[in-house]
Amino acid sequence: MSAAQQFGNRLRTLRKLQKLKIGQLAEKADTGVKHLGRIERGEKQPSFELIIALAQALSISPSTLFEFDSPRADLRAIRKQLDQFFAEQDVKDVAKLARVLAALLHP
């Protein structure tokens, strides 16, 4: 995953944690909805000025937008990935995975 995609995922996660729609954040940061959508998808890179505006709009430090491995903010994204993964597995495999996870987490 590119740095632009990581930034975009982080921005989307932080926006959703604050229960903001993309249009609401775009308005607060004085940018276009389409442009912000492209940034969230990692198709575009924001300017320094826009990074500052987004951070102010979210009431966070600009550096928070670059904390790509923050478990607190990415927990929902991880759960969504796990849900999608488990949905593709059959019952036997899910049961095996549950036993493996239990053994790893509670030896």
PDB file of N, CA and C in Angstrom:
ATOM      1  N   MET A   1       0.851  -1.171   0.000  1.00  0.00           N
ATOM      2  CA  MET A   1       0.000   0.000   0.000  1.00  0.00           C
ATOM      3  C   MET A   1       0.900   1.239   0.000  1.00  0.00           C
ATOM      4  N   SER A   2       0.608   2.173  -0.871  1.00  0.00           N
ATOM      5  CA  SER A   2       1.421   3.378  -0.980  1.00  0.00           C
ATOM      6  C   SER A   2       1.167   4.313   0.199  1.00  0.00           C
ATOM      7  N   ALA A   3       2.061   5.267   0.368  1.00  0.00           N
ATOM      8  CA  ALA A   3       1.903   6.248   1.444  1.00  0.00           C
ATOM      9  C   ALA A   3       0.633   7.068   1.232  1.00  0.00           C
ATOM     10  N   ALA A   4       0.313   7.376  -0.015  1.00  0.00           N
ATOM     11  CA  ALA A   4      -0.911   8.128  -0.303  1.00  0.00           C
ATOM     12  C   ALA A   4      -2.146   7.323   0.096  1.00  0.00           C
ATOM     13  N   GLN A   5      -2.136   6.026  -0.151  1.00  0.00           N
ATOM     14  CA  GLN A   5      -3.256   5.172   0.245  1.00  0.00           C
ATOM     15  C   GLN A   5      -3.349   5.046   1.760  1.00  0.00           C
ATOM     16  N   GLN A   6      -2.204   4.928   2.423  1.00  0.00           N
ATOM     17  CA  GLN A   6      -2.199   4.862   3.879  1.00  0.00           C
ATOM     18  C   GLN A   6      -2.744   6.153   4.477  1.00  0.00           C
ATOM     19  N   PHE A   7      -2.322   7.278   3.932  1.00  0.00           N
ATOM     20  CA  PHE A   7      -2.808   8.569   4.404  1.00  0.00           C
ATOM     21  C   PHE A   7      -4.317   8.664   4.206  1.00  0.00           C
ATOM     22  N   GLY A   8      -4.770   8.274   3.021  1.00  0.00           N
ATOM     23  CA  GLY A   8      -6.197   8.328   2.717  1.00  0.00           C
ATOM     24  C   GLY A   8      -7.019   7.431   3.625  1.00  0.00           C
ATOM     25  N   ASN A   9      -6.541   6.229   3.868  1.00  0.00           N
ATOM     26  CA  ASN A   9      -7.243   5.316   4.781  1.00  0.00           C
ATOM     27  C   ASN A   9      -7.301   5.891   6.185  1.00  0.00           C
ATOM     28  N   ARG A  10      -6.190   6.469   6.615  1.00  0.00           N
ATOM     29  CA  ARG A  10      -6.133   7.069   7.950  1.00  0.00           C
ATOM     30  C   ARG A  10      -7.110   8.230   8.049  1.00  0.00           C
ATOM     31  N   LEU A  11      -7.128   9.075   7.034  1.00  0.00           N
ATOM     32  CA  LEU A  11      -8.036  10.218   7.016  1.00  0.00           C
ATOM     33  C   LEU A  11      -9.485   9.751   7.068  1.00  0.00           C
ATOM     34  N   ARG A  12      -9.837   8.763   6.255  1.00  0.00           N
ATOM     35  CA  ARG A  12     -11.205   8.236   6.236  1.00  0.00           C
ATOM     36  C   ARG A  12     -11.585   7.663   7.604  1.00  0.00           C
ATOM     37  N   THR A  13     -10.673   6.910   8.200  1.00  0.00           N
ATOM     38  CA  THR A  13     -10.939   6.317   9.510  1.00  0.00           C
ATOM     39  C   THR A  13     -11.189   7.394  10.556  1.00  0.00           C
ATOM     40  N   LEU A  14     -10.341   8.409  10.578  1.00  0.00           N
ATOM     41  CA  LEU A  14     -10.504   9.499  11.550  1.00  0.00           C
ATOM     42  C   LEU A  14     -11.803  10.266  11.312  1.00  0.00           C
ATOM     43  N   ARG A  15     -12.136  10.479  10.053  1.00  0.00           N
ATOM     44  CA  ARG A  15     -13.385  11.173   9.719  1.00  0.00           C
ATOM     45  C   ARG A  15     -14.590  10.380  10.210  1.00  0.00           C
ATOM     46  N   LYS A  16     -14.565   9.078   9.947  1.00  0.00           N
ATOM     47  CA  LYS A  16     -15.697   8.233  10.342  1.00  0.00           C
ATOM     48  C   LYS A  16     -15.798   8.091  11.858  1.00  0.00           C
ATOM     49  N   LEU A  17     -14.658   8.074  12.545  1.00  0.00           N
ATOM     50  CA  LEU A  17     -14.684   8.004  14.004  1.00  0.00           C
ATOM     51  C   LEU A  17     -15.388   9.225  14.598  1.00  0.00           C
ATOM     52  N   GLN A  18     -15.283  10.347  13.908  1.00  0.00           N
ATOM     53  CA  GLN A  18     -15.950  11.564  14.369  1.00  0.00           C
ATOM     54  C   GLN A  18     -17.361  11.688  13.781  1.00  0.00           C
ATOM     55  N   LYS A  19     -17.783  10.637  13.079  1.00  0.00           N
ATOM     56  CA  LYS A  19     -19.127  10.570  12.495  1.00  0.00           C
ATOM     57  C   LYS A  19     -19.415  11.748  11.552  1.00  0.00           C
ATOM     58  N   LEU A  20     -18.384  12.093  10.774  1.00  0.00           N
ATOM     59  CA  LEU A  20     -18.531  13.156   9.785  1.00  0.00           C
ATOM     60  C   LEU A  20     -18.710  12.545   8.401  1.00  0.00           C
ATOM     61  N   LYS A  21     -19.604  13.106   7.631  1.00  0.00           N
ATOM     62  CA  LYS A  21     -19.731  12.719   6.233  1.00  0.00           C
ATOM     63  C   LYS A  21     -18.625  13.436   5.472  1.00  0.00           C
ATOM     64  N   ILE A  22     -18.282  12.899   4.322  1.00  0.00           N
ATOM     65  CA  ILE A  22     -17.180  13.478   3.554  1.00  0.00           C
ATOM     66  C   ILE A  22     -17.467  14.939   3.191  1.00  0.00           C
ATOM     67  N   GLY A  23     -18.716  15.242   2.907  1.00  0.00           N
ATOM     68  CA  GLY A  23     -19.086  16.621   2.577  1.00  0.00           C
ATOM     69  C   GLY A  23     -18.910  17.571   3.753  1.00  0.00           C
ATOM     70  N   GLN A  24     -19.191  17.073   4.939  1.00  0.00           N
ATOM     71  CA  GLN A  24     -19.023  17.898   6.132  1.00  0.00           C
ATOM     72  C   GLN A  24     -17.553  18.232   6.358  1.00  0.00           C
ATOM     73  N   LEU A  25     -16.685  17.222   6.203  1.00  0.00           N
ATOM     74  CA  LEU A  25     -15.260  17.478   6.379  1.00  0.00           C
ATOM     75  C   LEU A  25     -14.731  18.382   5.278  1.00  0.00           C
ATOM     76  N   ALA A  26     -15.181  18.156   4.054  1.00  0.00           N
ATOM     77  CA  ALA A  26     -14.738  18.997   2.939  1.00  0.00           C
ATOM     78  C   ALA A  26     -15.096  20.461   3.199  1.00  0.00           C
ATOM     79  N   GLU A  27     -16.301  20.681   3.691  1.00  0.00           N
ATOM     80  CA  GLU A  27     -16.730  22.051   3.982  1.00  0.00           C
ATOM     81  C   GLU A  27     -15.882  22.668   5.093  1.00  0.00           C
ATOM     82  N   LYS A  28     -15.654  21.903   6.155  1.00  0.00           N
ATOM     83  CA  LYS A  28     -14.845  22.407   7.273  1.00  0.00           C
ATOM     84  C   LYS A  28     -13.416  22.728   6.848  1.00  0.00           C
ATOM     85  N   ALA A  29     -12.881  21.917   5.930  1.00  0.00           N
ATOM     86  CA  ALA A  29     -11.497  22.094   5.489  1.00  0.00           C
ATOM     87  C   ALA A  29     -11.401  22.991   4.251  1.00  0.00           C
ATOM     88  N   ASP A  30     -12.541  23.477   3.780  1.00  0.00           N
ATOM     89  CA  ASP A  30     -12.598  24.375   2.618  1.00  0.00           C
ATOM     90  C   ASP A  30     -11.962  23.739   1.375  1.00  0.00           C
ATOM     91  N   THR A  31     -12.430  22.534   1.075  1.00  0.00           N
ATOM     92  CA  THR A  31     -11.974  21.849  -0.126  1.00  0.00           C
ATOM     93  C   THR A  31     -13.168  21.159  -0.779  1.00  0.00           C
ATOM     94  N   GLY A  32     -12.971  20.629  -1.957  1.00  0.00           N
ATOM     95  CA  GLY A  32     -14.050  19.970  -2.665  1.00  0.00           C
ATOM     96  C   GLY A  32     -14.261  18.536  -2.226  1.00  0.00           C
ATOM     97  N   VAL A  33     -15.495  18.084  -2.305  1.00  0.00           N
ATOM     98  CA  VAL A  33     -15.830  16.711  -1.923  1.00  0.00           C
ATOM     99  C   VAL A  33     -15.116  15.715  -2.841  1.00  0.00           C
ATOM    100  N   LYS A  34     -15.110  15.981  -4.128  1.00  0.00           N
ATOM    101  CA  LYS A  34     -14.454  15.059  -5.064  1.00  0.00           C
ATOM    102  C   LYS A  34     -12.961  14.976  -4.790  1.00  0.00           C
ATOM    103  N   HIS A  35     -12.350  16.129  -4.522  1.00  0.00           N
ATOM    104  CA  HIS A  35     -10.909  16.151  -4.231  1.00  0.00           C
ATOM    105  C   HIS A  35     -10.621  15.358  -2.959  1.00  0.00           C
ATOM    106  N   LEU A  36     -11.434  15.563  -1.942  1.00  0.00           N
ATOM    107  CA  LEU A  36     -11.250  14.853  -0.680  1.00  0.00           C
ATOM    108  C   LEU A  36     -11.450  13.344  -0.876  1.00  0.00           C
ATOM    109  N   GLY A  37     -12.415  12.970  -1.687  1.00  0.00           N
ATOM    110  CA  GLY A  37     -12.630  11.555  -1.994  1.00  0.00           C
ATOM    111  C   GLY A  37     -11.416  10.941  -2.677  1.00  0.00           C
ATOM    112  N   ARG A  38     -10.812  11.681  -3.585  1.00  0.00           N
ATOM    113  CA  ARG A  38      -9.605  11.183  -4.267  1.00  0.00           C
ATOM    114  C   ARG A  38      -8.445  11.022  -3.282  1.00  0.00           C
ATOM    115  N   ILE A  39      -8.363  11.934  -2.327  1.00  0.00           N
ATOM    116  CA  ILE A  39      -7.319  11.822  -1.301  1.00  0.00           C
ATOM    117  C   ILE A  39      -7.576  10.594  -0.443  1.00  0.00           C
ATOM    118  N   GLU A  40      -8.813  10.391  -0.021  1.00  0.00           N
ATOM    119  CA  GLU A  40      -9.134   9.226   0.809  1.00  0.00           C
ATOM    120  C   GLU A  40      -8.871   7.913   0.082  1.00  0.00           C
ATOM    121  N   ARG A  41      -9.019   7.899  -1.221  1.00  0.00           N
ATOM    122  CA  ARG A  41      -8.752   6.683  -2.005  1.00  0.00           C
ATOM    123  C   ARG A  41      -7.274   6.545  -2.369  1.00  0.00           C
ATOM    124  N   GLY A  42      -6.464   7.536  -2.022  1.00  0.00           N
ATOM    125  CA  GLY A  42      -5.040   7.497  -2.322  1.00  0.00           C
ATOM    126  C   GLY A  42      -4.712   7.864  -3.744  1.00  0.00           C
ATOM    127  N   GLU A  43      -5.662   8.451  -4.457  1.00  0.00           N
ATOM    128  CA  GLU A  43      -5.441   8.842  -5.847  1.00  0.00           C
ATOM    129  C   GLU A  43      -4.727  10.187  -5.954  1.00  0.00           C
ATOM    130  N   LYS A  44      -4.888  11.018  -4.959  1.00  0.00           N
ATOM    131  CA  LYS A  44      -4.269  12.349  -4.923  1.00  0.00           C
ATOM    132  C   LYS A  44      -3.567  12.540  -3.603  1.00  0.00           C
ATOM    133  N   GLN A  45      -2.585  13.428  -3.589  1.00  0.00           N
ATOM    134  CA  GLN A  45      -1.882  13.758  -2.358  1.00  0.00           C
ATOM    135  C   GLN A  45      -2.248  15.181  -1.955  1.00  0.00           C
ATOM    136  N   PRO A  46      -2.573  15.389  -0.682  1.00  0.00           N
ATOM    137  CA  PRO A  46      -2.970  16.726  -0.244  1.00  0.00           C
ATOM    138  C   PRO A  46      -1.767  17.657  -0.130  1.00  0.00           C
ATOM    139  N   SER A  47      -2.036  18.923  -0.298  1.00  0.00           N
ATOM    140  CA  SER A  47      -0.994  19.928  -0.084  1.00  0.00           C
ATOM    141  C   SER A  47      -0.738  20.071   1.411  1.00  0.00           C
ATOM    142  N   PHE A  48       0.356  20.711   1.752  1.00  0.00           N
ATOM    143  CA  PHE A  48       0.667  20.966   3.153  1.00  0.00           C
ATOM    144  C   PHE A  48      -0.455  21.777   3.794  1.00  0.00           C
ATOM    145  N   GLU A  49      -0.947  22.772   3.072  1.00  0.00           N
ATOM    146  CA  GLU A  49      -2.018  23.620   3.591  1.00  0.00           C
ATOM    147  C   GLU A  49      -3.290  22.817   3.855  1.00  0.00           C
ATOM    148  N   LEU A  50      -3.599  21.872   2.970  1.00  0.00           N
ATOM    149  CA  LEU A  50      -4.803  21.066   3.151  1.00  0.00           C
ATOM    150  C   LEU A  50      -4.637  20.100   4.326  1.00  0.00           C
ATOM    151  N   ILE A  51      -3.441  19.574   4.516  1.00  0.00           N
ATOM    152  CA  ILE A  51      -3.200  18.702   5.675  1.00  0.00           C
ATOM    153  C   ILE A  51      -3.485  19.468   6.961  1.00  0.00           C
ATOM    154  N   ILE A  52      -3.011  20.700   7.040  1.00  0.00           N
ATOM    155  CA  ILE A  52      -3.251  21.537   8.217  1.00  0.00           C
ATOM    156  C   ILE A  52      -4.742  21.801   8.377  1.00  0.00           C
ATOM    157  N   ALA A  53      -5.417  22.129   7.276  1.00  0.00           N
ATOM    158  CA  ALA A  53      -6.859  22.417   7.327  1.00  0.00           C
ATOM    159  C   ALA A  53      -7.656  21.189   7.753  1.00  0.00           C
ATOM    160  N   LEU A  54      -7.279  20.023   7.257  1.00  0.00           N
ATOM    161  CA  LEU A  54      -7.973  18.786   7.636  1.00  0.00           C
ATOM    162  C   LEU A  54      -7.776  18.491   9.127  1.00  0.00           C
ATOM    163  N   ALA A  55      -6.547  18.664   9.589  1.00  0.00           N
ATOM    164  CA  ALA A  55      -6.268  18.441  11.007  1.00  0.00           C
ATOM    165  C   ALA A  55      -7.080  19.396  11.875  1.00  0.00           C
ATOM    166  N   GLN A  56      -7.141  20.651  11.495  1.00  0.00           N
ATOM    167  CA  GLN A  56      -7.932  21.620  12.255  1.00  0.00           C
ATOM    168  C   GLN A  56      -9.409  21.269  12.218  1.00  0.00           C
ATOM    169  N   ALA A  57      -9.890  20.841  11.073  1.00  0.00           N
ATOM    170  CA  ALA A  57     -11.306  20.480  10.925  1.00  0.00           C
ATOM    171  C   ALA A  57     -11.656  19.274  11.793  1.00  0.00           C
ATOM    172  N   LEU A  58     -10.687  18.381  11.986  1.00  0.00           N
ATOM    173  CA  LEU A  58     -10.900  17.184  12.805  1.00  0.00           C
ATOM    174  C   LEU A  58     -10.492  17.402  14.265  1.00  0.00           C
ATOM    175  N   SER A  59      -9.969  18.583  14.559  1.00  0.00           N
ATOM    176  CA  SER A  59      -9.487  18.924  15.909  1.00  0.00           C
ATOM    177  C   SER A  59      -8.424  17.946  16.393  1.00  0.00           C
ATOM    178  N   ILE A  60      -7.475  17.674  15.506  1.00  0.00           N
ATOM    179  CA  ILE A  60      -6.370  16.779  15.829  1.00  0.00           C
ATOM    180  C   ILE A  60      -5.064  17.439  15.412  1.00  0.00           C
ATOM    181  N   SER A  61      -3.975  16.859  15.844  1.00  0.00           N
ATOM    182  CA  SER A  61      -2.660  17.310  15.411  1.00  0.00           C
ATOM    183  C   SER A  61      -2.421  16.808  13.984  1.00  0.00           C
ATOM    184  N   PRO A  62      -1.773  17.606  13.140  1.00  0.00           N
ATOM    185  CA  PRO A  62      -1.471  17.108  11.784  1.00  0.00           C
ATOM    186  C   PRO A  62      -0.699  15.793  11.799  1.00  0.00           C
ATOM    187  N   SER A  63       0.148  15.593  12.796  1.00  0.00           N
ATOM    188  CA  SER A  63       0.930  14.351  12.851  1.00  0.00           C
ATOM    189  C   SER A  63       0.039  13.129  13.027  1.00  0.00           C
ATOM    190  N   THR A  64      -1.142  13.305  13.617  1.00  0.00           N
ATOM    191  CA  THR A  64      -2.068  12.190  13.814  1.00  0.00           C
ATOM    192  C   THR A  64      -2.491  11.591  12.474  1.00  0.00           C
ATOM    193  N   LEU A  65      -2.521  12.403  11.440  1.00  0.00           N
ATOM    194  CA  LEU A  65      -2.894  11.914  10.113  1.00  0.00           C
ATOM    195  C   LEU A  65      -1.853  10.960   9.539  1.00  0.00           C
ATOM    196  N   PHE A  66      -0.662  10.965  10.123  1.00  0.00           N
ATOM    197  CA  PHE A  66       0.418  10.115   9.631  1.00  0.00           C
ATOM    198  C   PHE A  66       0.699   8.932  10.541  1.00  0.00           C
ATOM    199  N   GLU A  67      -0.130   8.708  11.528  1.00  0.00           N
ATOM    200  CA  GLU A  67       0.015   7.557  12.420  1.00  0.00           C
ATOM    201  C   GLU A  67      -0.712   6.372  11.790  1.00  0.00           C
ATOM    202  N   PHE A  68      -0.088   5.794  10.792  1.00  0.00           N
ATOM    203  CA  PHE A  68      -0.725   4.761   9.992  1.00  0.00           C
ATOM    204  C   PHE A  68      -0.977   3.472  10.754  1.00  0.00           C
ATOM    205  N   ASP A  69      -0.203   3.198  11.780  1.00  0.00           N
ATOM    206  CA  ASP A  69      -0.338   1.938  12.493  1.00  0.00           C
ATOM    207  C   ASP A  69      -1.046   2.084  13.829  1.00  0.00           C
ATOM    208  N   SER A  70      -1.791   3.154  14.008  1.00  0.00           N
ATOM    209  CA  SER A  70      -2.468   3.377  15.284  1.00  0.00           C
ATOM    210  C   SER A  70      -3.611   2.386  15.452  1.00  0.00           C
ATOM    211  N   PRO A  71      -3.519   1.463  16.420  1.00  0.00           N
ATOM    212  CA  PRO A  71      -4.563   0.453  16.573  1.00  0.00           C
ATOM    213  C   PRO A  71      -5.912   1.038  16.969  1.00  0.00           C
ATOM    214  N   ARG A  72      -5.925   2.126  17.728  1.00  0.00           N
ATOM    215  CA  ARG A  72      -7.199   2.701  18.167  1.00  0.00           C
ATOM    216  C   ARG A  72      -8.007   3.199  16.975  1.00  0.00           C
ATOM    217  N   ALA A  73      -7.382   3.905  16.080  1.00  0.00           N
ATOM    218  CA  ALA A  73      -8.107   4.484  14.958  1.00  0.00           C
ATOM    219  C   ALA A  73      -8.403   3.451  13.868  1.00  0.00           C
ATOM    220  N   ASP A  74      -7.568   2.453  13.754  1.00  0.00           N
ATOM    221  CA  ASP A  74      -7.734   1.487  12.682  1.00  0.00           C
ATOM    222  C   ASP A  74      -8.503   0.238  13.108  1.00  0.00           C
ATOM    223  N   LEU A  75      -8.999   0.205  14.331  1.00  0.00           N
ATOM    224  CA  LEU A  75      -9.691  -0.973  14.826  1.00  0.00           C
ATOM    225  C   LEU A  75     -10.910  -1.310  13.968  1.00  0.00           C
ATOM    226  N   ARG A  76     -11.666  -0.311  13.590  1.00  0.00           N
ATOM    227  CA  ARG A  76     -12.846  -0.574  12.758  1.00  0.00           C
ATOM    228  C   ARG A  76     -12.459  -1.141  11.404  1.00  0.00           C
ATOM    229  N   ALA A  77     -11.395  -0.607  10.828  1.00  0.00           N
ATOM    230  CA  ALA A  77     -10.944  -1.103   9.526  1.00  0.00           C
ATOM    231  C   ALA A  77     -10.481  -2.549   9.633  1.00  0.00           C
ATOM    232  N   ILE A  78      -9.783  -2.870  10.717  1.00  0.00           N
ATOM    233  CA  ILE A  78      -9.320  -4.242  10.932  1.00  0.00           C
ATOM    234  C   ILE A  78     -10.511  -5.174  11.118  1.00  0.00           C
ATOM    235  N   ARG A  79     -11.492  -4.752  11.901  1.00  0.00           N
ATOM    236  CA  ARG A  79     -12.682  -5.587  12.099  1.00  0.00           C
ATOM    237  C   ARG A  79     -13.415  -5.822  10.781  1.00  0.00           C
ATOM    238  N   LYS A  80     -13.486  -4.802   9.962  1.00  0.00           N
ATOM    239  CA  LYS A  80     -14.152  -4.946   8.664  1.00  0.00           C
ATOM    240  C   LYS A  80     -13.407  -5.953   7.785  1.00  0.00           C
ATOM    241  N   GLN A  81     -12.069  -5.880   7.793  1.00  0.00           N
ATOM    242  CA  GLN A  81     -11.276  -6.832   7.020  1.00  0.00           C
ATOM    243  C   GLN A  81     -11.480  -8.252   7.530  1.00  0.00           C
ATOM    244  N   LEU A  82     -11.498  -8.405   8.847  1.00  0.00           N
ATOM    245  CA  LEU A  82     -11.714  -9.735   9.419  1.00  0.00           C
ATOM    246  C   LEU A  82     -13.106 -10.262   9.085  1.00  0.00           C
ATOM    247  N   ASP A  83     -14.119  -9.401   9.171  1.00  0.00           N
ATOM    248  CA  ASP A  83     -15.478  -9.823   8.817  1.00  0.00           C
ATOM    249  C   ASP A  83     -15.539 -10.310   7.376  1.00  0.00           C
ATOM    250  N   GLN A  84     -14.890  -9.578   6.467  1.00  0.00           N
ATOM    251  CA  GLN A  84     -14.887  -9.972   5.066  1.00  0.00           C
ATOM    252  C   GLN A  84     -14.155 -11.303   4.885  1.00  0.00           C
ATOM    253  N   PHE A  85     -13.039 -11.455   5.582  1.00  0.00           N
ATOM    254  CA  PHE A  85     -12.272 -12.694   5.487  1.00  0.00           C
ATOM    255  C   PHE A  85     -13.086 -13.883   5.977  1.00  0.00           C
ATOM    256  N   PHE A  86     -13.690 -13.739   7.163  1.00  0.00           N
ATOM    257  CA  PHE A  86     -14.462 -14.843   7.733  1.00  0.00           C
ATOM    258  C   PHE A  86     -15.699 -15.164   6.905  1.00  0.00           C
ATOM    259  N   ALA A  87     -16.267 -14.165   6.265  1.00  0.00           N
ATOM    260  CA  ALA A  87     -17.449 -14.403   5.434  1.00  0.00           C
ATOM    261  C   ALA A  87     -17.127 -15.300   4.246  1.00  0.00           C
ATOM    262  N   GLU A  88     -15.866 -15.322   3.838  1.00  0.00           N
ATOM    263  CA  GLU A  88     -15.451 -16.125   2.692  1.00  0.00           C
ATOM    264  C   GLU A  88     -15.063 -17.554   3.078  1.00  0.00           C
ATOM    265  N   GLN A  89     -15.021 -17.847   4.370  1.00  0.00           N
ATOM    266  CA  GLN A  89     -14.581 -19.156   4.843  1.00  0.00           C
ATOM    267  C   GLN A  89     -15.784 -20.037   5.158  1.00  0.00           C
ATOM    268  N   ASP A  90     -15.552 -21.351   5.106  1.00  0.00           N
ATOM    269  CA  ASP A  90     -16.635 -22.248   5.521  1.00  0.00           C
ATOM    270  C   ASP A  90     -16.586 -22.423   7.045  1.00  0.00           C
ATOM    271  N   VAL A  91     -17.601 -23.023   7.600  1.00  0.00           N
ATOM    272  CA  VAL A  91     -17.759 -23.144   9.046  1.00  0.00           C
ATOM    273  C   VAL A  91     -16.589 -23.898   9.685  1.00  0.00           C
ATOM    274  N   LYS A  92     -16.124 -24.968   9.039  1.00  0.00           N
ATOM    275  CA  LYS A  92     -15.020 -25.756   9.590  1.00  0.00           C
ATOM    276  C   LYS A  92     -13.750 -24.908   9.715  1.00  0.00           C
ATOM    277  N   ASP A  93     -13.463 -24.138   8.673  1.00  0.00           N
ATOM    278  CA  ASP A  93     -12.263 -23.298   8.698  1.00  0.00           C
ATOM    279  C   ASP A  93     -12.363 -22.202   9.750  1.00  0.00           C
ATOM    280  N   VAL A  94     -13.535 -21.621   9.914  1.00  0.00           N
ATOM    281  CA  VAL A  94     -13.733 -20.586  10.933  1.00  0.00           C
ATOM    282  C   VAL A  94     -13.527 -21.182  12.321  1.00  0.00           C
ATOM    283  N   ALA A  95     -14.017 -22.394  12.544  1.00  0.00           N
ATOM    284  CA  ALA A  95     -13.826 -23.060  13.834  1.00  0.00           C
ATOM    285  C   ALA A  95     -12.342 -23.311  14.093  1.00  0.00           C
ATOM    286  N   LYS A  96     -11.604 -23.749  13.073  1.00  0.00           N
ATOM    287  CA  LYS A  96     -10.162 -23.963  13.215  1.00  0.00           C
ATOM    288  C   LYS A  96      -9.462 -22.653  13.557  1.00  0.00           C
ATOM    289  N   LEU A  97      -9.819 -21.595  12.834  1.00  0.00           N
ATOM    290  CA  LEU A  97      -9.201 -20.293  13.083  1.00  0.00           C
ATOM    291  C   LEU A  97      -9.491 -19.793  14.495  1.00  0.00           C
ATOM    292  N   ALA A  98     -10.679 -20.041  14.969  1.00  0.00           N
ATOM    293  CA  ALA A  98     -11.051 -19.626  16.326  1.00  0.00           C
ATOM    294  C   ALA A  98     -10.176 -20.356  17.356  1.00  0.00           C
ATOM    295  N   ARG A  99      -9.932 -21.643  17.136  1.00  0.00           N
ATOM    296  CA  ARG A  99      -9.087 -22.402  18.062  1.00  0.00           C
ATOM    297  C   ARG A  99      -7.635 -21.889  18.022  1.00  0.00           C
ATOM    298  N   VAL A 100      -7.145 -21.606  16.822  1.00  0.00           N
ATOM    299  CA  VAL A 100      -5.773 -21.091  16.673  1.00  0.00           C
ATOM    300  C   VAL A 100      -5.640 -19.736  17.362  1.00  0.00           C
ATOM    301  N   LEU A 101      -6.597 -18.858  17.130  1.00  0.00           N
ATOM    302  CA  LEU A 101      -6.564 -17.541  17.774  1.00  0.00           C
ATOM    303  C   LEU A 101      -6.628 -17.659  19.281  1.00  0.00           C
ATOM    304  N   ALA A 102      -7.480 -18.528  19.780  1.00  0.00           N
ATOM    305  CA  ALA A 102      -7.582 -18.727  21.221  1.00  0.00           C
ATOM    306  C   ALA A 102      -6.268 -19.233  21.791  1.00  0.00           C
ATOM    307  N   ALA A 103      -5.623 -20.134  21.081  1.00  0.00           N
ATOM    308  CA  ALA A 103      -4.331 -20.662  21.543  1.00  0.00           C
ATOM    309  C   ALA A 103      -3.250 -19.591  21.530  1.00  0.00           C
ATOM    310  N   LEU A 104      -3.273 -18.739  20.524  1.00  0.00           N
ATOM    311  CA  LEU A 104      -2.280 -17.656  20.431  1.00  0.00           C
ATOM    312  C   LEU A 104      -2.488 -16.588  21.506  1.00  0.00           C
ATOM    313  N   LEU A 105      -3.739 -16.251  21.733  1.00  0.00           N
ATOM    314  CA  LEU A 105      -4.030 -15.151  22.659  1.00  0.00           C
ATOM    315  C   LEU A 105      -4.108 -15.583  24.105  1.00  0.00           C
ATOM    316  N   HIS A 106      -4.438 -16.860  24.338  1.00  0.00           N
ATOM    317  CA  HIS A 106      -4.590 -17.365  25.697  1.00  0.00           C
ATOM    318  C   HIS A 106      -3.855 -18.704  25.853  1.00  0.00           C
ATOM    319  N   PRO A 107      -2.520 -18.653  25.815  1.00  0.00           N
ATOM    320  CA  PRO A 107      -1.753 -19.911  25.870  1.00  0.00           C
ATOM    321  C   PRO A 107      -1.900 -20.636  27.197  1.00  0.00           C
TER     322      PRO A 107
END
